[in-house]
Protein backbone atom coordinates (compact mmCIF):
# COMPACT_ATOMS: atom_id res chain seq x y z
CA LYS A 1 -40.95 -18.54 -6.35
CA LEU A 2 -38.54 -17.34 -8.99
CA GLY A 3 -39.67 -19.00 -12.18
CA GLU A 4 -40.10 -22.60 -11.12
CA ARG A 5 -37.47 -22.38 -8.35
CA VAL A 6 -38.59 -21.88 -4.76
CA ILE A 7 -36.14 -19.59 -2.94
CA GLY A 8 -37.93 -19.32 0.38
CA VAL A 9 -41.22 -19.27 2.23
CA LEU A 10 -43.19 -16.35 3.59
CA ASN A 11 -44.76 -17.74 6.75
CA THR A 12 -47.27 -16.24 9.13
CA GLU A 13 -48.87 -17.85 12.15
CA ALA A 14 -51.57 -16.94 14.66
CA ASN A 15 -52.60 -18.03 18.15
CA THR A 16 -56.27 -18.19 17.20
CA LEU A 17 -58.25 -20.70 15.15
CA ASN A 18 -59.25 -19.68 11.64
CA ALA A 19 -57.17 -16.49 11.89
CA PHE A 20 -56.55 -16.20 8.15
CA SER A 21 -59.02 -15.62 5.35
CA ALA A 22 -58.82 -16.14 1.60
CA ASP A 23 -58.07 -12.40 1.38
CA ASP A 24 -55.05 -12.87 3.70
CA GLU A 25 -53.84 -15.73 1.52
CA ARG A 26 -54.25 -13.64 -1.64
CA LEU A 27 -52.49 -10.65 -0.06
CA LEU A 28 -49.53 -12.68 1.21
CA THR A 29 -49.21 -14.39 -2.19
CA ILE A 30 -48.94 -10.93 -3.78
CA VAL A 31 -46.42 -9.83 -1.12
CA ALA A 32 -44.37 -13.00 -1.66
CA GLY A 33 -44.37 -12.37 -5.41
CA PHE A 34 -43.18 -8.82 -4.77
CA LEU A 35 -40.45 -9.88 -2.33
CA THR A 36 -39.02 -12.69 -4.47
CA PRO A 37 -37.20 -10.54 -7.06
CA LEU A 38 -36.04 -8.18 -4.31
CA ILE A 39 -34.49 -11.09 -2.43
CA GLU A 40 -32.92 -12.46 -5.60
CA ASN A 41 -31.57 -9.03 -6.60
CA THR A 42 -30.09 -8.55 -3.12
CA SER A 43 -28.43 -11.94 -3.41
CA LEU A 44 -27.01 -11.07 -6.84
CA TYR A 45 -25.88 -7.68 -5.56
CA GLU A 46 -24.04 -9.28 -2.63
CA ARG A 47 -22.40 -11.80 -4.96
CA ASP A 48 -21.33 -9.04 -7.35
CA ARG A 49 -20.09 -6.89 -4.47
CA LYS A 50 -17.99 -9.80 -3.19
CA ARG A 51 -16.61 -10.42 -6.67
CA LEU A 52 -15.81 -6.71 -7.04
CA GLY A 53 -13.95 -6.81 -3.73
CA GLU A 54 -11.93 -9.79 -4.94
CA LEU A 55 -11.10 -8.05 -8.22
CA SER A 56 -10.20 -4.89 -6.34
CA LEU A 57 -7.77 -6.87 -4.16
CA LEU A 58 -6.15 -8.46 -7.21
CA THR A 59 -5.88 -5.07 -8.91
CA GLU A 60 -4.29 -3.54 -5.83
CA ILE A 61 -1.75 -6.37 -5.65
CA ALA A 62 -0.98 -6.01 -9.36
CA LEU A 63 -0.53 -2.24 -9.08
CA ALA A 64 1.63 -2.56 -5.96
CA THR A 65 3.89 -5.17 -7.53
CA ILE A 66 4.14 -3.96 -11.13
CA ALA A 67 6.81 -1.38 -10.35
CA ALA A 68 8.70 -3.60 -7.90
CA PRO A 69 12.36 -3.75 -8.94
CA SER A 70 12.95 -7.33 -7.75
CA PHE A 71 11.29 -10.64 -6.99
CA ASP A 72 11.75 -10.02 -3.26
CA GLU A 73 10.00 -6.66 -3.53
CA VAL A 74 7.11 -8.22 -5.51
CA LEU A 75 6.50 -10.65 -2.65
CA ALA A 76 6.91 -7.94 -0.02
CA GLN A 77 4.38 -5.67 -1.75
CA ALA A 78 1.88 -8.50 -2.24
CA ILE A 79 2.17 -9.52 1.43
CA GLN A 80 1.67 -5.92 2.56
CA VAL A 81 -1.49 -5.57 0.47
CA LEU A 82 -2.89 -8.90 1.72
CA GLN A 83 -2.25 -7.99 5.34
CA ARG A 84 -3.65 -4.46 5.04
CA ARG A 85 -6.76 -5.43 3.05
CA LEU A 86 -7.60 -8.72 4.78
CA GLY A 87 -6.27 -8.00 8.26
CA TYR A 88 -4.38 -11.26 8.70
CA ASP A 89 -2.36 -11.51 11.91
CA LEU A 90 0.32 -13.52 10.13
CA VAL A 91 0.84 -13.84 6.39
CA GLY A 92 3.82 -14.91 4.37
CA VAL A 93 5.24 -16.95 1.56
CA ASP A 94 7.38 -20.05 1.97
CA LEU A 95 9.35 -20.96 -1.15
CA LEU A 96 10.73 -24.31 -2.20
CA ASP A 97 14.53 -24.30 -2.09
CA GLU A 98 16.72 -25.48 -4.99
CA SER A 99 17.03 -28.97 -3.53
CA GLY A 100 13.23 -29.37 -3.61
CA VAL A 101 13.30 -30.66 -0.03
CA TRP A 102 12.78 -27.55 2.12
CA LEU A 103 10.33 -24.68 2.29
CA MET A 104 12.07 -21.46 3.25
CA ALA A 105 10.21 -18.49 4.74
CA HIS A 106 10.58 -15.40 2.60
CA ALA A 107 11.91 -12.28 4.35
CA SER A 108 8.59 -10.47 3.75
CA TYR A 109 6.66 -12.60 6.30
CA TYR A 110 4.28 -10.36 8.25
CA GLY A 111 3.45 -10.99 11.90
CA VAL A 112 6.66 -12.61 13.10
CA ALA A 113 9.44 -10.81 14.93
CA ASP A 114 12.17 -11.84 12.48
CA PRO A 115 11.33 -13.93 9.41
CA HIS A 116 14.96 -15.04 9.23
CA ASP A 117 14.39 -16.97 12.48
CA ILE A 118 11.68 -19.16 10.94
CA GLU A 119 13.03 -22.69 10.62
CA PRO A 120 12.86 -24.34 7.18
CA VAL A 121 10.06 -26.89 6.82
CA ARG A 122 10.66 -30.19 5.09
CA VAL A 123 8.25 -30.94 2.25
CA GLY A 124 5.55 -33.27 3.60
CA THR A 125 5.84 -32.12 7.22
CA GLY A 126 3.70 -29.54 8.97
CA ILE A 127 0.73 -27.94 7.31
CA ILE A 128 2.69 -25.99 4.70
CA GLY A 129 4.84 -29.02 3.89
CA ARG A 130 1.69 -31.08 3.28
CA VAL A 131 0.24 -28.31 1.09
CA LEU A 132 3.34 -28.33 -1.08
CA GLN A 133 3.39 -32.13 -1.22
CA THR A 134 -0.30 -32.50 -2.13
CA GLY A 135 -0.80 -29.30 -4.09
CA ARG A 136 -4.04 -28.70 -2.20
CA THR A 137 -5.12 -25.87 0.08
CA ILE A 138 -5.40 -26.72 3.77
CA ARG A 139 -7.58 -24.76 6.19
CA VAL A 140 -7.27 -25.54 9.88
CA ASP A 141 -9.96 -23.94 12.03
CA ASP A 142 -8.22 -24.79 15.32
CA VAL A 143 -4.47 -25.37 15.14
CA THR A 144 -4.42 -26.64 18.73
CA THR A 145 -6.14 -29.81 17.49
CA GLU A 146 -3.84 -30.30 14.50
CA PRO A 147 -0.82 -32.51 15.26
CA ALA A 148 0.98 -31.37 12.09
CA TYR A 149 0.84 -27.69 13.06
CA ILE A 150 4.23 -26.03 13.50
CA PRO A 151 3.70 -22.87 15.59
CA LEU A 152 5.26 -19.58 14.53
CA ASP A 153 3.33 -17.56 17.10
CA PRO A 154 1.64 -19.02 20.21
CA ALA A 155 -1.35 -16.68 19.73
CA VAL A 156 -2.28 -18.18 16.33
CA ARG A 157 -5.43 -20.31 16.40
CA SER A 158 -6.30 -20.79 12.71
CA GLU A 159 -4.26 -21.36 9.58
CA LEU A 160 -4.94 -21.26 5.87
CA ALA A 161 -2.18 -22.44 3.54
CA VAL A 162 -2.52 -22.19 -0.25
CA PRO A 163 -0.17 -23.74 -2.81
CA LEU A 164 1.77 -21.51 -5.19
CA ARG A 165 2.40 -23.01 -8.59
CA VAL A 166 3.81 -22.07 -11.94
CA ALA A 167 2.12 -24.20 -14.57
CA ASP A 168 2.22 -27.69 -13.02
CA ARG A 169 5.26 -27.03 -10.82
CA MET A 170 4.86 -26.24 -7.12
CA ILE A 171 7.07 -23.33 -6.05
CA GLY A 172 5.84 -22.57 -2.54
CA VAL A 173 2.97 -21.87 -0.16
CA LEU A 174 1.05 -18.74 0.81
CA ASN A 175 0.57 -19.12 4.56
CA THR A 176 -1.93 -17.15 6.65
């Protein structure tokens, strides 16, 4: 127990009748009281470590892109950091064209032979087109079961697509 909140149970069992005494109960109650803050501290430590990793990633992206001389180089640097740090097989940005109808793969796409060969995707079609249309992230655990999936690489099995927005305006999709 942590305060009034139960975070787990210390359980012991035996194959014999009347195996535990009042002393055993008292001892395990003390042990449970000792373990509770350790478990909670470990949980907090893991949460803080995860948050630190996230902040470290954002800092690395910021540092890599701050000196970039152009918009294209900003995207290229960000994609390189994401791929290197997170190990994605495929990662790229698709940007909304001026007509507002098509998503165009940026030249910095990682994991495809030639990003210029990626066909534009109409807003509302495919996974990335739906992300742009709805403004919501889509995670597909198995793309072979997703009818809307448009394959870039036959080896890909999962996809995560996240909307990119400036204020309330959708500008593209981060696709992994």
